[in-house]
Amino acid sequence: QVQLVESGGGLVQAGGSLRLSCAASGRTFRESAMGWFRQAPGKEREFVAGISRNGDTYYSDSVKGRFTIFRDNAEYTMSLQMNSLKPEDSAVYYCAKTPRTAFQASFAYLSRQNSYDTWGQGTQVTVSS
């Protein structure tokens, strides 16, 4: 059973940066696409960024140009570099893993929550104005 553990959340001022990390147990990490989602109080969980097995990346319009997702298959980790943070980025951020997939994955696939079968416990990001 693969487990995902997020880290790196915290409190930052608007305009600042944070890097979130997601550590995966189990070798199936390399056979899966990965994604980041977030949920703000009173709102539904939403897609932030996704990365396929071959490294293709996709972003929501709200974070495009500010966030970067990347993965290290040798270390079984995935990260999200968040720059130019805004108060509206405040949320609990979750990393997620799909079942074994093809090397390529589409935005439509990676942006759907039901594409993922394993989720982390979440890490809080708070951006003050």
C-alpha atoms as a PDB file:
ATOM      1  CA  GLN A   1       0.000   0.000   0.000  1.00  0.00           C
ATOM      2  CA  VAL A   2       1.563   3.259  -1.132  1.00  0.00           C
ATOM      3  CA  GLN A   3       1.469   6.156   1.289  1.00  0.00           C
ATOM      4  CA  LEU A   4       1.974   9.834   0.530  1.00  0.00           C
ATOM      5  CA  VAL A   5       3.272  12.347   3.062  1.00  0.00           C
ATOM      6  CA  GLU A   6       3.260  16.078   2.345  1.00  0.00           C
ATOM      7  CA  SER A   7       5.528  18.626   3.981  1.00  0.00           C
ATOM      8  CA  GLY A   8       6.600  22.229   3.534  1.00  0.00           C
ATOM      9  CA  GLY A   9       3.432  24.135   4.258  1.00  0.00           C
ATOM     10  CA  GLY A  10       3.360  27.183   6.477  1.00  0.00           C
ATOM     11  CA  LEU A  11       2.647  30.888   6.774  1.00  0.00           C
ATOM     12  CA  VAL A  12       4.094  33.294   4.232  1.00  0.00           C
ATOM     13  CA  GLN A  13       3.459  36.888   3.216  1.00  0.00           C
ATOM     14  CA  ALA A  14       1.914  37.738  -0.126  1.00  0.00           C
ATOM     15  CA  GLY A  15       4.554  37.724  -2.829  1.00  0.00           C
ATOM     16  CA  GLY A  16       6.605  35.133  -1.022  1.00  0.00           C
ATOM     17  CA  SER A  17       7.478  31.545  -1.917  1.00  0.00           C
ATOM     18  CA  LEU A  18       7.037  28.078  -0.491  1.00  0.00           C
ATOM     19  CA  ARG A  19       8.024  24.617  -1.664  1.00  0.00           C
ATOM     20  CA  LEU A  20       5.788  21.685  -0.884  1.00  0.00           C
ATOM     21  CA  SER A  21       7.115  18.154  -1.002  1.00  0.00           C
ATOM     22  CA  CYS A  22       5.369  14.812  -1.259  1.00  0.00           C
ATOM     23  CA  ALA A  23       7.225  11.661  -0.286  1.00  0.00           C
ATOM     24  CA  ALA A  24       5.893   8.355  -1.574  1.00  0.00           C
ATOM     25  CA  SER A  25       6.517   4.900  -0.222  1.00  0.00           C
ATOM     26  CA  GLY A  26       6.539   2.052  -2.693  1.00  0.00           C
ATOM     27  CA  ARG A  27       8.019   1.605  -6.123  1.00  0.00           C
ATOM     28  CA  THR A  28       4.706   2.137  -7.936  1.00  0.00           C
ATOM     29  CA  PHE A  29       5.470   5.869  -7.726  1.00  0.00           C
ATOM     30  CA  ARG A  30       7.452   5.556 -10.952  1.00  0.00           C
ATOM     31  CA  GLU A  31       4.502   3.959 -12.741  1.00  0.00           C
ATOM     32  CA  SER A  32       2.026   6.649 -11.756  1.00  0.00           C
ATOM     33  CA  ALA A  33       1.112  10.184 -12.613  1.00  0.00           C
ATOM     34  CA  MET A  34       1.015  12.621  -9.717  1.00  0.00           C
ATOM     35  CA  GLY A  35      -0.939  15.716  -8.853  1.00  0.00           C
ATOM     36  CA  TRP A  36      -1.490  18.521  -6.373  1.00  0.00           C
ATOM     37  CA  PHE A  37      -4.928  19.659  -5.284  1.00  0.00           C
ATOM     38  CA  ARG A  38      -6.032  22.232  -2.733  1.00  0.00           C
ATOM     39  CA  GLN A  39      -9.076  22.984  -0.656  1.00  0.00           C
ATOM     40  CA  ALA A  40      -9.864  26.317   0.940  1.00  0.00           C
ATOM     41  CA  PRO A  41     -12.427  26.658   3.748  1.00  0.00           C
ATOM     42  CA  GLY A  42     -15.951  26.490   2.414  1.00  0.00           C
ATOM     43  CA  LYS A  43     -14.802  25.566  -1.079  1.00  0.00           C
ATOM     44  CA  GLU A  44     -14.503  22.353  -3.028  1.00  0.00           C
ATOM     45  CA  ARG A  45     -11.142  20.725  -3.556  1.00  0.00           C
ATOM     46  CA  GLU A  46      -9.619  21.879  -6.827  1.00  0.00           C
ATOM     47  CA  PHE A  47      -6.839  20.835  -9.173  1.00  0.00           C
ATOM     48  CA  VAL A  48      -3.584  22.778  -8.939  1.00  0.00           C
ATOM     49  CA  ALA A  49      -0.970  20.914 -10.977  1.00  0.00           C
ATOM     50  CA  GLY A  50      -0.225  17.487 -12.394  1.00  0.00           C
ATOM     51  CA  ILE A  51       2.752  15.643 -13.838  1.00  0.00           C
ATOM     52  CA  SER A  52       2.744  12.538 -15.991  1.00  0.00           C
ATOM     53  CA  ARG A  53       5.191   9.654 -15.888  1.00  0.00           C
ATOM     54  CA  ASN A  54       7.197  11.189 -18.721  1.00  0.00           C
ATOM     55  CA  GLY A  55       7.327  14.597 -17.056  1.00  0.00           C
ATOM     56  CA  ASP A  56       4.604  16.481 -18.927  1.00  0.00           C
ATOM     57  CA  THR A  57       3.165  19.129 -16.623  1.00  0.00           C
ATOM     58  CA  TYR A  58      -0.227  20.801 -16.434  1.00  0.00           C
ATOM     59  CA  TYR A  59      -1.492  23.676 -14.307  1.00  0.00           C
ATOM     60  CA  SER A  60      -4.731  25.351 -13.423  1.00  0.00           C
ATOM     61  CA  ASP A  61      -5.096  28.817 -14.880  1.00  0.00           C
ATOM     62  CA  SER A  62      -4.982  30.340 -11.406  1.00  0.00           C
ATOM     63  CA  VAL A  63      -1.412  29.167 -10.748  1.00  0.00           C
ATOM     64  CA  LYS A  64       0.083  28.979 -14.233  1.00  0.00           C
ATOM     65  CA  GLY A  65       3.323  30.927 -14.413  1.00  0.00           C
ATOM     66  CA  ARG A  66       3.708  31.027 -10.615  1.00  0.00           C
ATOM     67  CA  PHE A  67       3.826  27.360  -9.575  1.00  0.00           C
ATOM     68  CA  THR A  68       6.091  24.587 -10.852  1.00  0.00           C
ATOM     69  CA  ILE A  69       5.559  20.882 -10.309  1.00  0.00           C
ATOM     70  CA  PHE A  70       8.391  18.404 -10.621  1.00  0.00           C
ATOM     71  CA  ARG A  71       9.204  14.871  -9.625  1.00  0.00           C
ATOM     72  CA  ASP A  72      12.274  12.845  -8.728  1.00  0.00           C
ATOM     73  CA  ASN A  73      11.661   9.212  -9.574  1.00  0.00           C
ATOM     74  CA  ALA A  74      14.936   8.136  -8.006  1.00  0.00           C
ATOM     75  CA  GLU A  75      13.902   9.601  -4.647  1.00  0.00           C
ATOM     76  CA  TYR A  76      10.156   8.851  -4.947  1.00  0.00           C
ATOM     77  CA  THR A  77       9.320  12.485  -4.335  1.00  0.00           C
ATOM     78  CA  MET A  78       7.244  15.162  -5.968  1.00  0.00           C
ATOM     79  CA  SER A  79       7.408  18.859  -5.249  1.00  0.00           C
ATOM     80  CA  LEU A  80       5.482  22.029  -5.900  1.00  0.00           C
ATOM     81  CA  GLN A  81       7.437  25.274  -6.028  1.00  0.00           C
ATOM     82  CA  MET A  82       5.063  28.137  -5.333  1.00  0.00           C
ATOM     83  CA  ASN A  83       6.182  31.678  -6.130  1.00  0.00           C
ATOM     84  CA  SER A  84       4.419  35.039  -6.053  1.00  0.00           C
ATOM     85  CA  LEU A  85       1.925  33.662  -3.571  1.00  0.00           C
ATOM     86  CA  LYS A  86      -1.397  35.403  -3.114  1.00  0.00           C
ATOM     87  CA  PRO A  87      -3.863  35.304  -0.203  1.00  0.00           C
ATOM     88  CA  GLU A  88      -6.251  33.353  -2.430  1.00  0.00           C
ATOM     89  CA  ASP A  89      -3.662  30.551  -2.582  1.00  0.00           C
ATOM     90  CA  SER A  90      -4.333  29.832   1.093  1.00  0.00           C
ATOM     91  CA  ALA A  91      -5.658  26.289   1.427  1.00  0.00           C
ATOM     92  CA  VAL A  92      -4.846  22.780   2.504  1.00  0.00           C
ATOM     93  CA  TYR A  93      -2.732  21.259  -0.248  1.00  0.00           C
ATOM     94  CA  TYR A  94      -2.925  17.558  -1.034  1.00  0.00           C
ATOM     95  CA  CYS A  95      -0.676  15.406  -3.165  1.00  0.00           C
ATOM     96  CA  ALA A  96      -2.188  12.471  -4.986  1.00  0.00           C
ATOM     97  CA  LYS A  97      -1.119   9.477  -7.058  1.00  0.00           C
ATOM     98  CA  THR A  98      -2.901   7.735  -9.901  1.00  0.00           C
ATOM     99  CA  PRO A  99      -2.945   4.001 -10.444  1.00  0.00           C
ATOM    100  CA  ARG A 100      -0.376   2.735 -12.935  1.00  0.00           C
ATOM    101  CA  THR A 101      -0.750   4.809 -16.105  1.00  0.00           C
ATOM    102  CA  ALA A 102       0.745   5.201 -19.547  1.00  0.00           C
ATOM    103  CA  PHE A 103       3.795   7.438 -19.906  1.00  0.00           C
ATOM    104  CA  GLN A 104       1.669  10.252 -21.269  1.00  0.00           C
ATOM    105  CA  ALA A 105      -1.355  11.674 -19.501  1.00  0.00           C
ATOM    106  CA  SER A 106      -3.707  14.426 -20.569  1.00  0.00           C
ATOM    107  CA  PHE A 107      -4.806  17.520 -18.702  1.00  0.00           C
ATOM    108  CA  ALA A 108      -8.330  16.114 -18.650  1.00  0.00           C
ATOM    109  CA  TYR A 109      -7.100  12.985 -16.890  1.00  0.00           C
ATOM    110  CA  LEU A 110      -4.763  14.670 -14.406  1.00  0.00           C
ATOM    111  CA  SER A 111      -7.218  17.393 -13.422  1.00  0.00           C
ATOM    112  CA  ARG A 112      -9.928  14.931 -12.385  1.00  0.00           C
ATOM    113  CA  GLN A 113      -9.938  13.927  -8.727  1.00  0.00           C
ATOM    114  CA  ASN A 114     -11.319  10.479  -9.490  1.00  0.00           C
ATOM    115  CA  SER A 115      -8.215   9.722 -11.591  1.00  0.00           C
ATOM    116  CA  TYR A 116      -6.267   9.366  -8.327  1.00  0.00           C
ATOM    117  CA  ASP A 117      -6.418   6.438  -5.934  1.00  0.00           C
ATOM    118  CA  THR A 118      -4.008   7.553  -3.204  1.00  0.00           C
ATOM    119  CA  TRP A 119      -4.006  10.833  -1.296  1.00  0.00           C
ATOM    120  CA  GLY A 120      -1.816  12.433   1.317  1.00  0.00           C
ATOM    121  CA  GLN A 121      -3.087  13.907   4.559  1.00  0.00           C
ATOM    122  CA  GLY A 122      -2.644  17.509   3.409  1.00  0.00           C
ATOM    123  CA  THR A 123      -0.470  20.425   4.439  1.00  0.00           C
ATOM    124  CA  GLN A 124      -1.716  23.912   5.291  1.00  0.00           C
ATOM    125  CA  VAL A 125      -0.552  26.920   3.295  1.00  0.00           C
ATOM    126  CA  THR A 126      -1.531  30.348   4.577  1.00  0.00           C
ATOM    127  CA  VAL A 127      -0.671  33.524   2.673  1.00  0.00           C
ATOM    128  CA  SER A 128      -1.109  36.766   4.576  1.00  0.00           C
ATOM    129  CA  SER A 129      -1.863  40.054   2.834  1.00  0.00           C
END
